[in-house]
Amino acid sequence: MTAARTDADRDGTLRAGGGAGVIQVRSKPISARELYALSRAVAEAVHSVNPQTHVLIDDRADVAAALRNQGISGVHVGQDDLD
């Protein structure tokens, strides 16, 4: 597990444990494969402390769809991302 993934897991877990209703996984400079692994790890960590927290992936509907049965609730798409 990379340091970045460990930090993301910890951050998501702390926020979900504190009552956050939504966690967004966002990392622009990584590959789809890396985002898939990161998002899956974050979803597992978040749901271990708060199964009610929704985990969204930023911009990547393909990755969110691939993980829809593994704890990812959806995708966040900004207004400018649809141009």
PDB file of N, CA and C in Angstrom:
ATOM      1  N   MET A   1       0.844  -1.172   0.000  1.00  0.00           N
ATOM      2  CA  MET A   1       0.000   0.000   0.000  1.00  0.00           C
ATOM      3  C   MET A   1       0.891   1.237   0.000  1.00  0.00           C
ATOM      4  N   THR A   2       0.584   2.166  -0.875  1.00  0.00           N
ATOM      5  CA  THR A   2       1.395   3.379  -0.957  1.00  0.00           C
ATOM      6  C   THR A   2       1.057   4.344   0.168  1.00  0.00           C
ATOM      7  N   ALA A   3       1.963   5.282   0.411  1.00  0.00           N
ATOM      8  CA  ALA A   3       1.723   6.282   1.450  1.00  0.00           C
ATOM      9  C   ALA A   3       0.494   7.120   1.118  1.00  0.00           C
ATOM     10  N   ALA A   4       0.324   7.459  -0.168  1.00  0.00           N
ATOM     11  CA  ALA A   4      -0.838   8.265  -0.566  1.00  0.00           C
ATOM     12  C   ALA A   4      -2.133   7.522  -0.288  1.00  0.00           C
ATOM     13  N   ARG A   5      -2.153   6.228  -0.585  1.00  0.00           N
ATOM     14  CA  ARG A   5      -3.361   5.451  -0.342  1.00  0.00           C
ATOM     15  C   ARG A   5      -3.620   5.345   1.154  1.00  0.00           C
ATOM     16  N   THR A   6      -2.579   5.130   1.941  1.00  0.00           N
ATOM     17  CA  THR A   6      -2.736   5.056   3.388  1.00  0.00           C
ATOM     18  C   THR A   6      -3.296   6.362   3.938  1.00  0.00           C
ATOM     19  N   ASP A   7      -2.781   7.494   3.469  1.00  0.00           N
ATOM     20  CA  ASP A   7      -3.288   8.800   3.907  1.00  0.00           C
ATOM     21  C   ASP A   7      -4.743   8.977   3.504  1.00  0.00           C
ATOM     22  N   ALA A   8      -5.106   8.589   2.294  1.00  0.00           N
ATOM     23  CA  ALA A   8      -6.482   8.729   1.827  1.00  0.00           C
ATOM     24  C   ALA A   8      -7.416   7.839   2.634  1.00  0.00           C
ATOM     25  N   ASP A   9      -7.001   6.607   2.906  1.00  0.00           N
ATOM     26  CA  ASP A   9      -7.802   5.704   3.727  1.00  0.00           C
ATOM     27  C   ASP A   9      -8.032   6.302   5.104  1.00  0.00           C
ATOM     28  N   ARG A  10      -6.967   6.789   5.707  1.00  0.00           N
ATOM     29  CA  ARG A  10      -7.048   7.356   7.057  1.00  0.00           C
ATOM     30  C   ARG A  10      -7.947   8.583   7.073  1.00  0.00           C
ATOM     31  N   ASP A  11      -7.768   9.473   6.104  1.00  0.00           N
ATOM     32  CA  ASP A  11      -8.574  10.686   6.030  1.00  0.00           C
ATOM     33  C   ASP A  11     -10.052  10.342   5.846  1.00  0.00           C
ATOM     34  N   GLY A  12     -10.355   9.458   4.921  1.00  0.00           N
ATOM     35  CA  GLY A  12     -11.746   9.053   4.690  1.00  0.00           C
ATOM     36  C   GLY A  12     -12.354   8.388   5.901  1.00  0.00           C
ATOM     37  N   THR A  13     -11.581   7.547   6.564  1.00  0.00           N
ATOM     38  CA  THR A  13     -12.063   6.847   7.753  1.00  0.00           C
ATOM     39  C   THR A  13     -12.359   7.829   8.880  1.00  0.00           C
ATOM     40  N   LEU A  14     -11.477   8.789   9.092  1.00  0.00           N
ATOM     41  CA  LEU A  14     -11.703   9.794  10.134  1.00  0.00           C
ATOM     42  C   LEU A  14     -12.950  10.619   9.845  1.00  0.00           C
ATOM     43  N   ARG A  15     -13.117  11.022   8.608  1.00  0.00           N
ATOM     44  CA  ARG A  15     -14.278  11.842   8.251  1.00  0.00           C
ATOM     45  C   ARG A  15     -15.576  11.038   8.351  1.00  0.00           C
ATOM     46  N   ALA A  16     -15.559   9.802   7.873  1.00  0.00           N
ATOM     47  CA  ALA A  16     -16.755   8.958   7.963  1.00  0.00           C
ATOM     48  C   ALA A  16     -17.095   8.662   9.418  1.00  0.00           C
ATOM     49  N   GLY A  17     -16.066   8.388  10.222  1.00  0.00           N
ATOM     50  CA  GLY A  17     -16.287   8.143  11.640  1.00  0.00           C
ATOM     51  C   GLY A  17     -16.833   9.359  12.361  1.00  0.00           C
ATOM     52  N   GLY A  18     -16.514  10.537  11.844  1.00  0.00           N
ATOM     53  CA  GLY A  18     -17.008  11.785  12.415  1.00  0.00           C
ATOM     54  C   GLY A  18     -18.395  12.155  11.922  1.00  0.00           C
ATOM     55  N   GLY A  19     -18.955  11.343  11.043  1.00  0.00           N
ATOM     56  CA  GLY A  19     -20.323  11.575  10.590  1.00  0.00           C
ATOM     57  C   GLY A  19     -20.473  12.100   9.176  1.00  0.00           C
ATOM     58  N   ALA A  20     -19.393  12.182   8.411  1.00  0.00           N
ATOM     59  CA  ALA A  20     -19.510  12.658   7.025  1.00  0.00           C
ATOM     60  C   ALA A  20     -20.450  11.750   6.242  1.00  0.00           C
ATOM     61  N   GLY A  21     -21.342  12.366   5.496  1.00  0.00           N
ATOM     62  CA  GLY A  21     -22.289  11.594   4.699  1.00  0.00           C
ATOM     63  C   GLY A  21     -21.763  11.215   3.331  1.00  0.00           C
ATOM     64  N   VAL A  22     -20.779  11.983   2.846  1.00  0.00           N
ATOM     65  CA  VAL A  22     -20.212  11.739   1.519  1.00  0.00           C
ATOM     66  C   VAL A  22     -18.712  11.969   1.561  1.00  0.00           C
ATOM     67  N   ILE A  23     -17.977  11.052   0.955  1.00  0.00           N
ATOM     68  CA  ILE A  23     -16.531  11.176   0.776  1.00  0.00           C
ATOM     69  C   ILE A  23     -16.277  11.137  -0.727  1.00  0.00           C
ATOM     70  N   GLN A  24     -15.470  12.063  -1.227  1.00  0.00           N
ATOM     71  CA  GLN A  24     -15.136  12.090  -2.650  1.00  0.00           C
ATOM     72  C   GLN A  24     -13.669  11.694  -2.842  1.00  0.00           C
ATOM     73  N   VAL A  25     -13.445  10.700  -3.684  1.00  0.00           N
ATOM     74  CA  VAL A  25     -12.085  10.280  -4.017  1.00  0.00           C
ATOM     75  C   VAL A  25     -11.670  11.067  -5.247  1.00  0.00           C
ATOM     76  N   ARG A  26     -10.572  11.810  -5.114  1.00  0.00           N
ATOM     77  CA  ARG A  26     -10.136  12.684  -6.195  1.00  0.00           C
ATOM     78  C   ARG A  26      -8.619  12.666  -6.284  1.00  0.00           C
ATOM     79  N   SER A  27      -8.110  12.346  -7.462  1.00  0.00           N
ATOM     80  CA  SER A  27      -6.676  12.388  -7.693  1.00  0.00           C
ATOM     81  C   SER A  27      -6.445  12.456  -9.189  1.00  0.00           C
ATOM     82  N   LYS A  28      -6.214  13.631  -9.686  1.00  0.00           N
ATOM     83  CA  LYS A  28      -6.081  13.850 -11.133  1.00  0.00           C
ATOM     84  C   LYS A  28      -4.859  13.186 -11.773  1.00  0.00           C
ATOM     85  N   PRO A  29      -3.701  13.185 -11.123  1.00  0.00           N
ATOM     86  CA  PRO A  29      -2.515  12.743 -11.857  1.00  0.00           C
ATOM     87  C   PRO A  29      -2.269  11.231 -11.885  1.00  0.00           C
ATOM     88  N   ILE A  30      -3.244  10.405 -11.519  1.00  0.00           N
ATOM     89  CA  ILE A  30      -2.987   8.965 -11.496  1.00  0.00           C
ATOM     90  C   ILE A  30      -3.764   8.266 -12.607  1.00  0.00           C
ATOM     91  N   SER A  31      -3.335   7.055 -12.905  1.00  0.00           N
ATOM     92  CA  SER A  31      -3.977   6.272 -13.964  1.00  0.00           C
ATOM     93  C   SER A  31      -5.325   5.731 -13.477  1.00  0.00           C
ATOM     94  N   ALA A  32      -6.123   5.260 -14.419  1.00  0.00           N
ATOM     95  CA  ALA A  32      -7.414   4.655 -14.074  1.00  0.00           C
ATOM     96  C   ALA A  32      -7.212   3.444 -13.166  1.00  0.00           C
ATOM     97  N   ARG A  33      -6.183   2.657 -13.434  1.00  0.00           N
ATOM     98  CA  ARG A  33      -5.898   1.482 -12.603  1.00  0.00           C
ATOM     99  C   ARG A  33      -5.565   1.888 -11.166  1.00  0.00           C
ATOM    100  N   GLU A  34      -4.759   2.939 -11.029  1.00  0.00           N
ATOM    101  CA  GLU A  34      -4.401   3.423  -9.686  1.00  0.00           C
ATOM    102  C   GLU A  34      -5.613   4.032  -8.981  1.00  0.00           C
ATOM    103  N   LEU A  35      -6.441   4.768  -9.722  1.00  0.00           N
ATOM    104  CA  LEU A  35      -7.646   5.350  -9.132  1.00  0.00           C
ATOM    105  C   LEU A  35      -8.614   4.258  -8.697  1.00  0.00           C
ATOM    106  N   TYR A  36      -8.717   3.207  -9.480  1.00  0.00           N
ATOM    107  CA  TYR A  36      -9.557   2.056  -9.129  1.00  0.00           C
ATOM    108  C   TYR A  36      -9.100   1.476  -7.791  1.00  0.00           C
ATOM    109  N   ALA A  37      -7.812   1.209  -7.668  1.00  0.00           N
ATOM    110  CA  ALA A  37      -7.274   0.618  -6.437  1.00  0.00           C
ATOM    111  C   ALA A  37      -7.449   1.562  -5.253  1.00  0.00           C
ATOM    112  N   LEU A  38      -7.159   2.838  -5.454  1.00  0.00           N
ATOM    113  CA  LEU A  38      -7.309   3.830  -4.388  1.00  0.00           C
ATOM    114  C   LEU A  38      -8.766   3.925  -3.945  1.00  0.00           C
ATOM    115  N   SER A  39      -9.671   4.023  -4.886  1.00  0.00           N
ATOM    116  CA  SER A  39     -11.093   4.171  -4.571  1.00  0.00           C
ATOM    117  C   SER A  39     -11.642   2.956  -3.848  1.00  0.00           C
ATOM    118  N   ARG A  40     -11.228   1.810  -4.280  1.00  0.00           N
ATOM    119  CA  ARG A  40     -11.676   0.574  -3.625  1.00  0.00           C
ATOM    120  C   ARG A  40     -11.183   0.526  -2.180  1.00  0.00           C
ATOM    121  N   ALA A  41      -9.923   0.879  -1.963  1.00  0.00           N
ATOM    122  CA  ALA A  41      -9.363   0.882  -0.613  1.00  0.00           C
ATOM    123  C   ALA A  41     -10.052   1.909   0.275  1.00  0.00           C
ATOM    124  N   VAL A  42     -10.310   3.097  -0.269  1.00  0.00           N
ATOM    125  CA  VAL A  42     -10.993   4.137   0.501  1.00  0.00           C
ATOM    126  C   VAL A  42     -12.407   3.686   0.854  1.00  0.00           C
ATOM    127  N   ALA A  43     -13.127   3.123  -0.109  1.00  0.00           N
ATOM    128  CA  ALA A  43     -14.495   2.659   0.157  1.00  0.00           C
ATOM    129  C   ALA A  43     -14.513   1.594   1.249  1.00  0.00           C
ATOM    130  N   GLU A  44     -13.587   0.660   1.198  1.00  0.00           N
ATOM    131  CA  GLU A  44     -13.523  -0.382   2.233  1.00  0.00           C
ATOM    132  C   GLU A  44     -13.241   0.224   3.597  1.00  0.00           C
ATOM    133  N   ALA A  45     -12.290   1.150   3.654  1.00  0.00           N
ATOM    134  CA  ALA A  45     -11.930   1.778   4.929  1.00  0.00           C
ATOM    135  C   ALA A  45     -13.092   2.609   5.472  1.00  0.00           C
ATOM    136  N   VAL A  46     -13.711   3.392   4.614  1.00  0.00           N
ATOM    137  CA  VAL A  46     -14.830   4.243   5.030  1.00  0.00           C
ATOM    138  C   VAL A  46     -15.990   3.404   5.542  1.00  0.00           C
ATOM    139  N   HIS A  47     -16.344   2.378   4.795  1.00  0.00           N
ATOM    140  CA  HIS A  47     -17.489   1.557   5.187  1.00  0.00           C
ATOM    141  C   HIS A  47     -17.217   0.694   6.414  1.00  0.00           C
ATOM    142  N   SER A  48     -15.952   0.505   6.747  1.00  0.00           N
ATOM    143  CA  SER A  48     -15.644  -0.252   7.972  1.00  0.00           C
ATOM    144  C   SER A  48     -16.021   0.543   9.220  1.00  0.00           C
ATOM    145  N   VAL A  49     -16.046   1.877   9.119  1.00  0.00           N
ATOM    146  CA  VAL A  49     -16.414   2.709  10.270  1.00  0.00           C
ATOM    147  C   VAL A  49     -17.810   3.308  10.138  1.00  0.00           C
ATOM    148  N   ASN A  50     -18.301   3.486   8.908  1.00  0.00           N
ATOM    149  CA  ASN A  50     -19.632   4.056   8.717  1.00  0.00           C
ATOM    150  C   ASN A  50     -20.217   3.562   7.392  1.00  0.00           C
ATOM    151  N   PRO A  51     -20.945   2.460   7.432  1.00  0.00           N
ATOM    152  CA  PRO A  51     -21.509   1.894   6.197  1.00  0.00           C
ATOM    153  C   PRO A  51     -22.501   2.817   5.488  1.00  0.00           C
ATOM    154  N   GLN A  52     -22.985   3.846   6.172  1.00  0.00           N
ATOM    155  CA  GLN A  52     -23.958   4.765   5.582  1.00  0.00           C
ATOM    156  C   GLN A  52     -23.311   5.868   4.741  1.00  0.00           C
ATOM    157  N   THR A  53     -22.005   6.046   4.867  1.00  0.00           N
ATOM    158  CA  THR A  53     -21.312   7.096   4.122  1.00  0.00           C
ATOM    159  C   THR A  53     -21.225   6.719   2.645  1.00  0.00           C
ATOM    160  N   HIS A  54     -21.568   7.665   1.786  1.00  0.00           N
ATOM    161  CA  HIS A  54     -21.470   7.459   0.338  1.00  0.00           C
ATOM    162  C   HIS A  54     -20.067   7.837  -0.119  1.00  0.00           C
ATOM    163  N   VAL A  55     -19.505   7.027  -1.000  1.00  0.00           N
ATOM    164  CA  VAL A  55     -18.183   7.307  -1.561  1.00  0.00           C
ATOM    165  C   VAL A  55     -18.359   7.574  -3.055  1.00  0.00           C
ATOM    166  N   LEU A  56     -17.921   8.758  -3.479  1.00  0.00           N
ATOM    167  CA  LEU A  56     -18.004   9.172  -4.879  1.00  0.00           C
ATOM    168  C   LEU A  56     -16.608   9.266  -5.476  1.00  0.00           C
ATOM    169  N   ILE A  57     -16.523   9.054  -6.778  1.00  0.00           N
ATOM    170  CA  ILE A  57     -15.272   9.237  -7.509  1.00  0.00           C
ATOM    171  C   ILE A  57     -15.411  10.492  -8.360  1.00  0.00           C
ATOM    172  N   ASP A  58     -14.405  11.329  -8.345  1.00  0.00           N
ATOM    173  CA  ASP A  58     -14.425  12.579  -9.092  1.00  0.00           C
ATOM    174  C   ASP A  58     -14.132  12.341 -10.571  1.00  0.00           C
ATOM    175  N   ASP A  59     -15.044  12.762 -11.425  1.00  0.00           N
ATOM    176  CA  ASP A  59     -14.885  12.817 -12.885  1.00  0.00           C
ATOM    177  C   ASP A  59     -14.870  11.491 -13.640  1.00  0.00           C
ATOM    178  N   ARG A  60     -14.540  10.398 -13.021  1.00  0.00           N
ATOM    179  CA  ARG A  60     -14.312   9.152 -13.762  1.00  0.00           C
ATOM    180  C   ARG A  60     -15.492   8.185 -13.635  1.00  0.00           C
ATOM    181  N   ALA A  61     -16.503   8.386 -14.486  1.00  0.00           N
ATOM    182  CA  ALA A  61     -17.684   7.530 -14.471  1.00  0.00           C
ATOM    183  C   ALA A  61     -17.330   6.075 -14.764  1.00  0.00           C
ATOM    184  N   ASP A  62     -16.302   5.854 -15.593  1.00  0.00           N
ATOM    185  CA  ASP A  62     -15.897   4.489 -15.923  1.00  0.00           C
ATOM    186  C   ASP A  62     -15.390   3.745 -14.690  1.00  0.00           C
ATOM    187  N   VAL A  63     -14.591   4.414 -13.881  1.00  0.00           N
ATOM    188  CA  VAL A  63     -14.059   3.791 -12.668  1.00  0.00           C
ATOM    189  C   VAL A  63     -15.181   3.604 -11.650  1.00  0.00           C
ATOM    190  N   ALA A  64     -16.047   4.606 -11.505  1.00  0.00           N
ATOM    191  CA  ALA A  64     -17.176   4.499 -10.573  1.00  0.00           C
ATOM    192  C   ALA A  64     -18.086   3.335 -10.963  1.00  0.00           C
ATOM    193  N   ALA A  65     -18.359   3.176 -12.248  1.00  0.00           N
ATOM    194  CA  ALA A  65     -19.211   2.079 -12.710  1.00  0.00           C
ATOM    195  C   ALA A  65     -18.570   0.726 -12.430  1.00  0.00           C
ATOM    196  N   ALA A  66     -17.265   0.645 -12.621  1.00  0.00           N
ATOM    197  CA  ALA A  66     -16.565  -0.619 -12.368  1.00  0.00           C
ATOM    198  C   ALA A  66     -16.599  -1.003 -10.891  1.00  0.00           C
ATOM    199  N   LEU A  67     -16.753  -0.011 -10.015  1.00  0.00           N
ATOM    200  CA  LEU A  67     -16.744  -0.257  -8.570  1.00  0.00           C
ATOM    201  C   LEU A  67     -18.121  -0.132  -7.920  1.00  0.00           C
ATOM    202  N   ARG A  68     -19.168  -0.078  -8.724  1.00  0.00           N
ATOM    203  CA  ARG A  68     -20.502   0.166  -8.161  1.00  0.00           C
ATOM    204  C   ARG A  68     -20.956  -0.925  -7.192  1.00  0.00           C
ATOM    205  N   ASN A  69     -20.459  -2.110  -7.329  1.00  0.00           N
ATOM    206  CA  ASN A  69     -20.823  -3.196  -6.409  1.00  0.00           C
ATOM    207  C   ASN A  69     -19.775  -3.407  -5.331  1.00  0.00           C
ATOM    208  N   GLN A  70     -18.844  -2.467  -5.218  1.00  0.00           N
ATOM    209  CA  GLN A  70     -17.765  -2.593  -4.237  1.00  0.00           C
ATOM    210  C   GLN A  70     -17.665  -1.365  -3.345  1.00  0.00           C
ATOM    211  N   GLY A  71     -18.797  -0.717  -3.115  1.00  0.00           N
ATOM    212  CA  GLY A  71     -18.828   0.369  -2.156  1.00  0.00           C
ATOM    213  C   GLY A  71     -18.804   1.770  -2.718  1.00  0.00           C
ATOM    214  N   ILE A  72     -18.753   1.906  -4.038  1.00  0.00           N
ATOM    215  CA  ILE A  72     -18.778   3.240  -4.635  1.00  0.00           C
ATOM    216  C   ILE A  72     -20.228   3.590  -4.965  1.00  0.00           C
ATOM    217  N   SER A  73     -20.667   4.754  -4.491  1.00  0.00           N
ATOM    218  CA  SER A  73     -22.063   5.167  -4.668  1.00  0.00           C
ATOM    219  C   SER A  73     -22.315   5.900  -5.979  1.00  0.00           C
ATOM    220  N   GLY A  74     -21.283   6.515  -6.541  1.00  0.00           N
ATOM    221  CA  GLY A  74     -21.498   7.268  -7.769  1.00  0.00           C
ATOM    222  C   GLY A  74     -20.285   8.075  -8.166  1.00  0.00           C
ATOM    223  N   VAL A  75     -20.557   9.041  -9.040  1.00  0.00           N
ATOM    224  CA  VAL A  75     -19.495   9.874  -9.591  1.00  0.00           C
ATOM    225  C   VAL A  75     -19.883  11.342  -9.425  1.00  0.00           C
ATOM    226  N   HIS A  76     -18.902  12.185  -9.169  1.00  0.00           N
ATOM    227  CA  HIS A  76     -19.124  13.635  -9.146  1.00  0.00           C
ATOM    228  C   HIS A  76     -18.618  14.195 -10.463  1.00  0.00           C
ATOM    229  N   VAL A  77     -19.508  14.856 -11.186  1.00  0.00           N
ATOM    230  CA  VAL A  77     -19.140  15.483 -12.449  1.00  0.00           C
ATOM    231  C   VAL A  77     -19.477  16.966 -12.333  1.00  0.00           C
ATOM    232  N   GLY A  78     -18.477  17.798 -12.483  1.00  0.00           N
ATOM    233  CA  GLY A  78     -18.679  19.242 -12.399  1.00  0.00           C
ATOM    234  C   GLY A  78     -19.259  19.817 -13.678  1.00  0.00           C
ATOM    235  N   GLN A  79     -19.741  21.045 -13.573  1.00  0.00           N
ATOM    236  CA  GLN A  79     -20.352  21.712 -14.729  1.00  0.00           C
ATOM    237  C   GLN A  79     -19.412  21.781 -15.926  1.00  0.00           C
ATOM    238  N   ASP A  80     -18.168  22.077 -15.705  1.00  0.00           N
ATOM    239  CA  ASP A  80     -17.202  22.231 -16.796  1.00  0.00           C
ATOM    240  C   ASP A  80     -16.717  20.905 -17.352  1.00  0.00           C
ATOM    241  N   ASP A  81     -17.007  19.807 -16.664  1.00  0.00           N
ATOM    242  CA  ASP A  81     -16.550  18.501 -17.114  1.00  0.00           C
ATOM    243  C   ASP A  81     -17.415  17.935 -18.242  1.00  0.00           C
ATOM    244  N   LEU A  82     -18.539  18.558 -18.513  1.00  0.00           N
ATOM    245  CA  LEU A  82     -19.443  18.064 -19.536  1.00  0.00           C
ATOM    246  C   LEU A  82     -19.263  18.762 -20.874  1.00  0.00           C
ATOM    247  N   ASP A  83     -18.350  19.693 -20.946  1.00  0.00           N
ATOM    248  CA  ASP A  83     -18.102  20.416 -22.196  1.00  0.00           C
ATOM    249  C   ASP A  83     -17.354  19.559 -23.200  1.00  0.00           C
TER     250      ASP A  83
END
